[in-house]
Amino acid sequence: MSILKELLIISAAISAVFAFSSNRTTRLILDEWRERTKQEHPECLKSTGVKEEYVNQYWESLQMTDDENFKCYLWCVFKAFKLISNDGSANEEIMVQKMDRVTTDIVDFCSAKVDTTTGKCDRAYELIYCCLHYRHIYL
């Protein structure tokens, strides 16, 4: 095996280790996503009619209110970042790639769990709830 191939393999292995042993806190992750959402997709707050109180509770403590407008806000945000499809189902590859701590196992498990959920907003809400609570990766 050439030196270049060996170095590439070692680099990939080191990157994988650091990806899963990130020292990024949940607070830092949430603050970054909150800011990105405000900057890149303010339309989600406006178009869904969600109460800002519910949005703030989500970004501050991952509290998910059982409110239709809040569910549609989550759908809008996750859809805008291409993390979910139009019907609220997971875009697995993109979720794993863009979301800290989310793995293929988590997305597969949660997708199967919400597979029969009807309505894009309800499905997105249930999917996100499951991913956040899966083995307490965030909570």
Protein backbone atom coordinates (compact mmCIF):
# COMPACT_ATOMS: atom_id res chain seq x y z
CA MET A 1 0.00 0.00 0.00
CA SER A 2 1.38 3.39 -0.86
CA ILE A 3 2.27 5.95 1.77
CA LEU A 4 -0.44 8.28 0.45
CA LYS A 5 -3.16 5.64 0.88
CA GLU A 6 -1.94 4.87 4.39
CA LEU A 7 -2.00 8.55 5.32
CA LEU A 8 -5.51 8.95 3.93
CA ILE A 9 -6.73 5.96 5.95
CA ILE A 10 -5.09 7.28 9.11
CA SER A 11 -6.58 10.76 8.52
CA ALA A 12 -10.05 9.31 8.03
CA ALA A 13 -9.74 7.23 11.20
CA ILE A 14 -8.59 10.22 13.25
CA SER A 15 -11.42 12.36 11.87
CA ALA A 16 -13.96 9.68 12.77
CA VAL A 17 -12.64 9.46 16.32
CA PHE A 18 -12.79 13.21 16.79
CA ALA A 19 -16.29 13.40 15.30
CA PHE A 20 -17.62 11.04 17.96
CA SER A 21 -15.59 12.43 20.85
CA SER A 22 -16.49 16.05 20.25
CA ASN A 23 -16.32 18.30 23.27
CA ARG A 24 -19.09 20.46 21.85
CA THR A 25 -21.74 20.94 24.48
CA THR A 26 -25.44 20.62 23.82
CA ARG A 27 -25.77 24.33 24.64
CA LEU A 28 -23.21 25.28 21.98
CA ILE A 29 -24.86 23.04 19.38
CA LEU A 30 -28.31 24.49 20.09
CA ASP A 31 -27.07 28.08 20.06
CA GLU A 32 -25.42 27.55 16.68
CA TRP A 33 -28.56 25.98 15.15
CA ARG A 34 -30.76 28.68 16.69
CA GLU A 35 -28.63 31.43 15.18
CA ARG A 36 -28.48 29.70 11.79
CA THR A 37 -32.25 29.31 11.82
CA LYS A 38 -32.80 32.98 12.67
CA GLN A 39 -30.39 34.12 9.96
CA GLU A 40 -31.16 31.66 7.18
CA HIS A 41 -34.81 30.73 7.70
CA PRO A 42 -36.77 33.42 9.56
CA GLU A 43 -39.76 32.55 7.37
CA CYS A 44 -40.44 29.47 9.51
CA LEU A 45 -41.34 31.57 12.53
CA LYS A 46 -43.55 33.87 10.47
CA SER A 47 -45.27 31.35 8.19
CA THR A 48 -46.32 28.86 10.88
CA GLY A 49 -47.84 31.25 13.39
CA VAL A 50 -46.00 29.48 16.21
CA LYS A 51 -45.76 31.27 19.54
CA GLU A 52 -42.24 32.59 20.10
CA GLU A 53 -42.47 31.21 23.63
CA TYR A 54 -42.60 27.65 22.24
CA VAL A 55 -39.67 28.29 19.91
CA ASN A 56 -37.61 29.78 22.75
CA GLN A 57 -38.41 26.80 25.00
CA TYR A 58 -37.20 24.48 22.28
CA TRP A 59 -33.92 26.26 21.65
CA GLU A 60 -33.26 26.86 25.37
CA SER A 61 -34.08 23.44 26.80
CA LEU A 62 -35.29 21.21 23.93
CA GLN A 63 -38.80 21.38 25.37
CA MET A 64 -41.18 20.29 22.61
CA THR A 65 -44.70 21.62 22.98
CA ASP A 66 -47.54 19.50 21.60
CA ASP A 67 -48.88 22.31 19.44
CA GLU A 68 -49.68 22.04 15.73
CA ASN A 69 -48.02 25.35 14.86
CA PHE A 70 -44.87 24.35 16.74
CA LYS A 71 -44.82 21.00 14.95
CA CYS A 72 -45.05 22.80 11.62
CA TYR A 73 -42.29 25.20 12.70
CA LEU A 74 -40.00 22.20 13.28
CA TRP A 75 -41.03 20.76 9.91
CA CYS A 76 -40.24 24.09 8.23
CA VAL A 77 -36.82 24.45 9.89
CA PHE A 78 -35.70 20.87 9.32
CA LYS A 79 -37.07 20.93 5.75
CA ALA A 80 -35.31 24.22 5.01
CA PHE A 81 -32.00 22.67 6.06
CA LYS A 82 -32.86 19.59 3.96
CA LEU A 83 -32.74 17.34 7.05
CA ILE A 84 -36.21 16.00 6.26
CA SER A 85 -38.32 15.51 3.16
CA ASN A 86 -41.58 17.22 2.23
CA ASP A 87 -43.55 14.50 4.03
CA GLY A 88 -41.54 14.89 7.26
CA SER A 89 -39.46 11.75 6.82
CA ALA A 90 -35.72 11.78 7.47
CA ASN A 91 -33.06 12.54 4.89
CA GLU A 92 -30.74 10.13 6.65
CA GLU A 93 -27.48 10.96 4.92
CA ILE A 94 -27.88 14.70 5.44
CA MET A 95 -29.03 14.33 9.06
CA VAL A 96 -26.01 12.22 9.94
CA GLN A 97 -23.69 14.54 8.05
CA LYS A 98 -24.98 17.85 9.46
CA MET A 99 -26.25 17.05 12.95
CA ASP A 100 -23.83 16.55 15.82
CA ARG A 101 -24.22 13.23 17.63
CA VAL A 102 -26.80 11.82 15.20
CA THR A 103 -25.88 8.46 13.69
CA THR A 104 -27.35 6.16 11.08
CA ASP A 105 -28.59 3.88 13.88
CA ILE A 106 -30.51 6.74 15.47
CA VAL A 107 -32.10 7.85 12.21
CA ASP A 108 -33.00 4.27 11.23
CA PHE A 109 -34.55 3.55 14.64
CA CYS A 110 -36.53 6.80 14.76
CA SER A 111 -37.63 6.60 11.12
CA ALA A 112 -39.06 3.13 11.73
CA LYS A 113 -40.78 4.36 14.88
CA VAL A 114 -42.59 7.21 13.11
CA ASP A 115 -43.18 5.42 9.81
CA THR A 116 -46.95 5.19 10.31
CA THR A 117 -47.35 8.74 11.62
CA THR A 118 -49.53 10.74 9.26
CA GLY A 119 -49.08 14.39 8.43
CA LYS A 120 -45.78 16.01 7.63
CA CYS A 121 -45.70 18.20 10.73
CA ASP A 122 -46.59 15.36 13.10
CA ARG A 123 -44.06 13.04 11.48
CA ALA A 124 -41.30 15.67 11.68
CA TYR A 125 -42.14 16.39 15.33
CA GLU A 126 -42.10 12.71 16.30
CA LEU A 127 -38.90 12.07 14.35
CA ILE A 128 -37.09 15.00 15.97
CA TYR A 129 -38.39 14.06 19.43
CA CYS A 130 -37.13 10.52 18.99
CA CYS A 131 -33.69 11.62 17.72
CA LEU A 132 -33.24 14.04 20.63
CA HIS A 133 -34.18 11.45 23.23
CA TYR A 134 -32.49 8.39 21.71
CA ARG A 135 -30.14 7.12 24.39
CA HIS A 136 -30.09 10.64 25.82
CA ILE A 137 -27.71 12.01 23.21
CA TYR A 138 -28.95 15.53 23.91
CA LEU A 139 -31.08 15.20 27.03
